[in-house]
Amino acid sequence: MNCKICGSESPLLFKAVVLRKHEVGYFHCRECNYIFTEEPYWLEEAYTNPINHSDTGLLNRNIFYSKILSLLLFFFFKKNGKFLDFAGGYGVFSRLMRDNGFDFYWNDPFCTNLFSYGFELDKAGTTWFELLTSFESFEHFPNPLNEIEKMLSYSRNIFFSTELFSGEAPDKNGWWYYSFEQGQHVSFYSAQTLGKIAAKYGLHFYSFGDYHLFSEKKLNGKVLGVTKLLAKLGFHYPVRKLMKEKIWEDHLKITKMERND
């Protein structure tokens, strides 16, 4: 197989049973340290439920990232701009960010927008955003560059999460993130992989733990770590007050919208 990131020849790493019945090949590119499956013919079956029932960290993750991103946007980006949550699931993150005062919109062709109704992409009044977010999506992309190029058509700043591996490719029994039983994870990255992707599109790459930033802005590499520390110390609360939460404002907008339907 040829690598879907850099095109290099990628030998078979191992075979594993996916969804308890499909024997699937996993390939490793030694050039950019990217791991990917054979063409994922099982995805329709894997997405019977778009969000896995076993994803017990969904709400905690959204709350955690909303604190960090509120600080990042307030201090380093145009805080009064418009923002898009790409692959936004049930709309939890967009709602949290609107509660924090940021003009966030939602987009996800595979999920129902339960929490950010009225603030879908087509209601943003623009197709260009100051920053785009995408959480726990990169590992789901069969062809990552295609999806990343879609994101870049909306913004040149992308804040996202995915778990990385470092060093040698993890053994199939040594890394839970392969998620064989669910069958939705088909792409796996190292910092080296993401650095090559950023360079391909002329972007800067910043990484801290499981969350990362592609950006046209040149920032201090420690920024993500600092925002995490400030979030833990509660500095997102004054930011929320300064930004003026949109809870009541959005209630009035949605009420007016429903009256006009």
Protein backbone atom coordinates (compact mmCIF):
# COMPACT_ATOMS: atom_id res chain seq x y z
CA MET A 1 0.00 0.00 0.00
CA ASN A 2 1.10 3.58 -0.62
CA CYS A 3 0.91 6.05 2.25
CA LYS A 4 -2.15 8.31 2.10
CA ILE A 5 -0.13 11.20 3.52
CA CYS A 6 3.20 11.20 1.68
CA GLY A 7 2.75 8.50 -0.99
CA SER A 8 5.64 6.31 0.24
CA GLU A 9 5.46 2.54 0.09
CA SER A 10 3.97 1.28 3.36
CA PRO A 11 4.43 -2.37 4.35
CA LEU A 12 1.90 -4.43 6.25
CA LEU A 13 2.28 -3.86 9.99
CA PHE A 14 -0.16 -6.51 11.21
CA LYS A 15 -3.62 -7.98 10.67
CA ALA A 16 -6.38 -7.69 13.25
CA VAL A 17 -10.02 -8.69 13.59
CA VAL A 18 -12.33 -5.66 13.34
CA LEU A 19 -15.94 -5.67 14.54
CA ARG A 20 -15.22 -9.21 15.74
CA LYS A 21 -15.44 -10.64 12.23
CA HIS A 22 -13.39 -8.79 9.56
CA GLU A 23 -9.70 -9.56 9.19
CA VAL A 24 -8.12 -6.23 8.32
CA GLY A 25 -4.62 -5.23 7.29
CA TYR A 26 -2.90 -2.30 9.02
CA PHE A 27 -0.04 -0.59 7.18
CA HIS A 28 2.81 1.59 8.44
CA CYS A 29 4.60 4.33 6.54
CA ARG A 30 8.15 4.59 7.83
CA GLU A 31 8.68 7.88 6.00
CA CYS A 32 6.07 9.93 7.90
CA ASN A 33 5.23 7.44 10.70
CA TYR A 34 1.55 7.12 9.80
CA ILE A 35 -0.54 3.96 10.31
CA PHE A 36 -3.64 3.22 8.29
CA THR A 37 -5.95 0.33 7.46
CA GLU A 38 -6.68 -1.21 4.10
CA GLU A 39 -9.64 0.43 2.36
CA PRO A 40 -12.32 0.31 5.10
CA TYR A 41 -15.19 -1.58 3.47
CA TRP A 42 -16.80 -2.15 6.91
CA LEU A 43 -17.52 1.50 7.78
CA GLU A 44 -21.24 1.46 7.04
CA GLU A 45 -21.57 -1.34 9.54
CA ALA A 46 -19.32 0.42 12.05
CA TYR A 47 -21.40 3.60 11.92
CA THR A 48 -24.73 2.03 12.80
CA ASN A 49 -24.33 4.36 15.81
CA PRO A 50 -22.35 7.44 14.71
CA ILE A 51 -21.00 7.94 18.24
CA ASN A 52 -19.91 4.83 20.10
CA HIS A 53 -21.84 3.92 23.22
CA SER A 54 -18.50 3.21 24.87
CA ASP A 55 -17.32 6.83 24.42
CA THR A 56 -17.93 7.73 28.05
CA GLY A 57 -15.49 10.64 27.82
CA LEU A 58 -17.56 12.67 25.35
CA LEU A 59 -19.00 15.24 27.76
CA ASN A 60 -15.87 15.53 29.89
CA ARG A 61 -13.79 16.04 26.74
CA ASN A 62 -16.05 18.79 25.43
CA ILE A 63 -16.02 20.66 28.74
CA PHE A 64 -12.23 20.36 28.99
CA TYR A 65 -11.59 21.65 25.45
CA SER A 66 -14.14 24.47 25.82
CA LYS A 67 -12.11 25.89 28.72
CA ILE A 68 -8.79 25.69 26.88
CA LEU A 69 -10.13 27.03 23.60
CA SER A 70 -11.92 29.95 25.25
CA LEU A 71 -8.55 31.16 26.53
CA LEU A 72 -6.76 30.44 23.25
CA LEU A 73 -9.34 32.34 21.18
CA PHE A 74 -9.56 35.27 23.59
CA PHE A 75 -5.83 35.93 23.69
CA PHE A 76 -4.47 34.77 20.35
CA PHE A 77 -7.26 34.98 17.74
CA LYS A 78 -10.01 37.38 16.69
CA LYS A 79 -12.29 36.61 19.61
CA ASN A 80 -15.31 38.31 18.05
CA GLY A 81 -15.01 36.35 14.80
CA LYS A 82 -17.05 33.34 13.73
CA PHE A 83 -15.99 29.76 14.44
CA LEU A 84 -17.03 26.34 13.16
CA ASP A 85 -17.12 22.96 14.90
CA PHE A 86 -16.52 20.47 12.07
CA ALA A 87 -17.82 16.93 12.68
CA GLY A 88 -19.59 18.48 15.65
CA GLY A 89 -21.53 15.42 16.83
CA TYR A 90 -24.64 16.30 18.82
CA GLY A 91 -23.69 19.98 19.05
CA VAL A 92 -22.40 19.88 22.63
CA PHE A 93 -19.16 21.78 21.95
CA SER A 94 -20.77 24.51 19.86
CA ARG A 95 -23.31 25.10 22.63
CA LEU A 96 -20.62 25.26 25.32
CA MET A 97 -18.61 27.75 23.30
CA ARG A 98 -21.67 29.91 22.64
CA ASP A 99 -22.35 29.79 26.39
CA ASN A 100 -18.81 31.13 26.80
CA GLY A 101 -19.58 34.03 24.45
CA PHE A 102 -17.99 32.85 21.19
CA ASP A 103 -19.96 32.86 17.92
CA PHE A 104 -19.74 29.13 17.14
CA TYR A 105 -21.57 27.15 14.46
CA TRP A 106 -22.05 23.42 13.94
CA ASN A 107 -21.63 21.02 11.03
CA ASP A 108 -21.87 17.21 10.92
CA PRO A 109 -23.56 15.26 8.09
CA PHE A 110 -23.73 12.08 10.21
CA CYS A 111 -25.24 13.34 13.48
CA THR A 112 -28.36 15.12 14.69
CA ASN A 113 -27.75 18.59 16.10
CA LEU A 114 -29.40 18.28 19.51
CA PHE A 115 -27.75 21.11 21.46
CA SER A 116 -26.86 23.81 18.92
CA TYR A 117 -30.13 24.01 17.00
CA GLY A 118 -30.38 27.25 15.04
CA PHE A 119 -26.62 27.62 14.69
CA GLU A 120 -25.89 25.24 11.83
CA LEU A 121 -23.28 26.07 9.21
CA ASP A 122 -25.85 27.38 6.71
CA LYS A 123 -27.00 29.97 9.27
CA ALA A 124 -23.52 31.41 9.89
CA GLY A 125 -23.79 33.96 7.08
CA THR A 126 -20.28 33.07 5.93
CA THR A 127 -18.24 30.16 4.64
CA TRP A 128 -14.96 31.45 6.10
CA PHE A 129 -14.16 31.23 9.80
CA GLU A 130 -11.48 32.54 12.13
CA LEU A 131 -10.87 29.02 13.45
CA LEU A 132 -12.31 25.54 12.99
CA THR A 133 -12.44 22.81 15.63
CA SER A 134 -12.69 19.07 15.09
CA PHE A 135 -12.49 16.65 18.01
CA GLU A 136 -11.83 12.91 17.78
CA SER A 137 -12.35 12.95 14.01
CA PHE A 138 -8.89 12.60 12.41
CA GLU A 139 -8.66 8.92 13.35
CA HIS A 140 -11.95 8.32 11.50
CA PHE A 141 -10.72 9.64 8.13
CA PRO A 142 -10.05 6.95 5.48
CA ASN A 143 -8.38 9.64 3.35
CA PRO A 144 -7.12 12.31 5.78
CA LEU A 145 -5.87 14.83 3.23
CA ASN A 146 -9.28 15.00 1.55
CA GLU A 147 -10.95 15.85 4.86
CA ILE A 148 -8.23 18.28 5.92
CA GLU A 149 -8.59 20.11 2.61
CA LYS A 150 -12.33 20.42 3.29
CA MET A 151 -11.49 21.95 6.66
CA LEU A 152 -9.01 24.34 5.06
CA SER A 153 -11.75 25.55 2.72
CA TYR A 154 -13.39 26.98 5.88
CA SER A 155 -10.37 28.17 7.88
CA ARG A 156 -6.58 28.21 7.96
CA ASN A 157 -6.63 27.60 11.71
CA ILE A 158 -7.65 24.11 12.91
CA PHE A 159 -7.78 23.07 16.56
CA PHE A 160 -8.31 19.32 16.90
CA SER A 161 -7.80 16.28 19.07
CA THR A 162 -6.53 12.80 18.34
CA GLU A 163 -4.26 10.51 20.34
CA LEU A 164 -0.76 10.23 18.94
CA PHE A 165 1.79 7.46 19.20
CA SER A 166 5.50 8.16 19.54
CA GLY A 167 8.51 6.18 18.42
CA GLU A 168 7.86 2.78 16.90
CA ALA A 169 4.42 1.76 15.66
CA PRO A 170 2.45 0.30 18.60
CA ASP A 171 1.86 -3.44 18.69
CA LYS A 172 -1.73 -4.42 17.92
CA ASN A 173 -2.21 -5.57 21.52
CA GLY A 174 -0.43 -2.59 23.01
CA TRP A 175 -2.61 0.40 22.15
CA TRP A 176 -6.30 0.76 22.97
CA TYR A 177 -6.73 3.51 20.35
CA TYR A 178 -6.81 0.98 17.52
CA SER A 179 -10.35 0.30 18.78
CA PHE A 180 -10.79 -2.94 16.82
CA GLU A 181 -14.19 -3.75 18.33
CA GLN A 182 -15.78 -0.47 17.20
CA GLY A 183 -14.14 -0.42 13.77
CA GLN A 184 -14.33 3.36 13.28
CA HIS A 185 -10.66 4.23 13.78
CA VAL A 186 -8.78 3.80 10.51
CA SER A 187 -5.98 6.41 10.66
CA PHE A 188 -3.32 6.81 13.34
CA TYR A 189 -0.79 9.60 13.61
CA SER A 190 2.49 10.55 15.20
CA ALA A 191 3.70 14.11 15.71
CA GLN A 192 5.93 13.49 12.69
CA THR A 193 2.87 12.72 10.55
CA LEU A 194 1.02 15.86 11.62
CA GLY A 195 4.13 17.97 11.10
CA LYS A 196 4.37 16.76 7.51
CA ILE A 197 0.69 17.53 6.92
CA ALA A 198 1.11 21.06 8.29
CA ALA A 199 4.18 21.65 6.12
CA LYS A 200 2.32 20.43 3.03
CA TYR A 201 -0.25 23.21 3.48
CA GLY A 202 2.13 25.90 4.68
CA LEU A 203 0.89 25.89 8.27
CA HIS A 204 2.53 25.93 11.66
CA PHE A 205 1.98 22.86 13.86
CA TYR A 206 1.62 22.93 17.64
CA SER A 207 0.88 19.97 19.87
CA PHE A 208 0.24 19.35 23.53
CA GLY A 209 -0.84 15.90 24.67
CA ASP A 210 -3.90 14.81 22.70
CA TYR A 211 -4.85 18.22 21.29
CA HIS A 212 -3.18 20.03 18.45
CA LEU A 213 -3.27 23.15 16.30
CA PHE A 214 -2.62 23.78 12.62
CA SER A 215 -2.38 27.51 12.18
CA GLU A 216 -1.34 30.24 9.81
CA LYS A 217 -0.29 32.15 12.94
CA LYS A 218 3.19 31.81 14.36
CA LEU A 219 2.77 31.30 18.11
CA ASN A 220 5.06 30.42 20.96
CA GLY A 221 5.16 26.61 21.05
CA LYS A 222 4.27 26.63 24.75
CA VAL A 223 0.93 28.40 24.21
CA LEU A 224 -1.21 25.24 24.34
CA GLY A 225 0.42 24.12 27.55
CA VAL A 226 -0.07 27.56 29.13
CA THR A 227 -3.76 27.67 28.19
CA LYS A 228 -4.25 24.24 29.79
CA LEU A 229 -2.65 25.47 33.02
CA LEU A 230 -4.72 28.68 33.01
CA ALA A 231 -7.90 26.65 32.41
CA LYS A 232 -7.09 24.45 35.41
CA LEU A 233 -6.66 27.61 37.50
CA GLY A 234 -10.10 28.84 36.42
CA PHE A 235 -9.07 31.72 34.15
CA HIS A 236 -11.77 30.73 31.65
CA TYR A 237 -14.41 32.14 34.03
CA PRO A 238 -13.39 35.82 33.66
CA VAL A 239 -13.07 35.26 29.90
CA ARG A 240 -16.68 34.04 29.84
CA LYS A 241 -17.81 37.19 31.67
CA LEU A 242 -15.81 39.47 29.38
CA MET A 243 -17.19 37.74 26.26
CA LYS A 244 -20.81 37.86 27.53
CA GLU A 245 -22.47 34.45 27.36
CA LYS A 246 -25.01 33.92 24.60
CA ILE A 247 -27.53 31.74 26.50
CA TRP A 248 -30.39 34.26 26.71
CA GLU A 249 -29.53 35.92 23.38
CA ASP A 250 -29.68 32.52 21.65
CA HIS A 251 -32.94 31.64 23.39
CA LEU A 252 -34.53 34.75 21.89
CA LYS A 253 -33.12 33.98 18.42
CA ILE A 254 -34.42 30.42 18.43
CA THR A 255 -37.82 31.47 19.75
CA LYS A 256 -38.15 34.07 16.99
CA MET A 257 -36.99 31.51 14.40
CA GLU A 258 -39.60 28.97 15.51
CA ARG A 259 -42.37 31.57 15.45
CA ASN A 260 -41.50 32.41 11.84
CA ASP A 261 -41.48 28.75 10.69
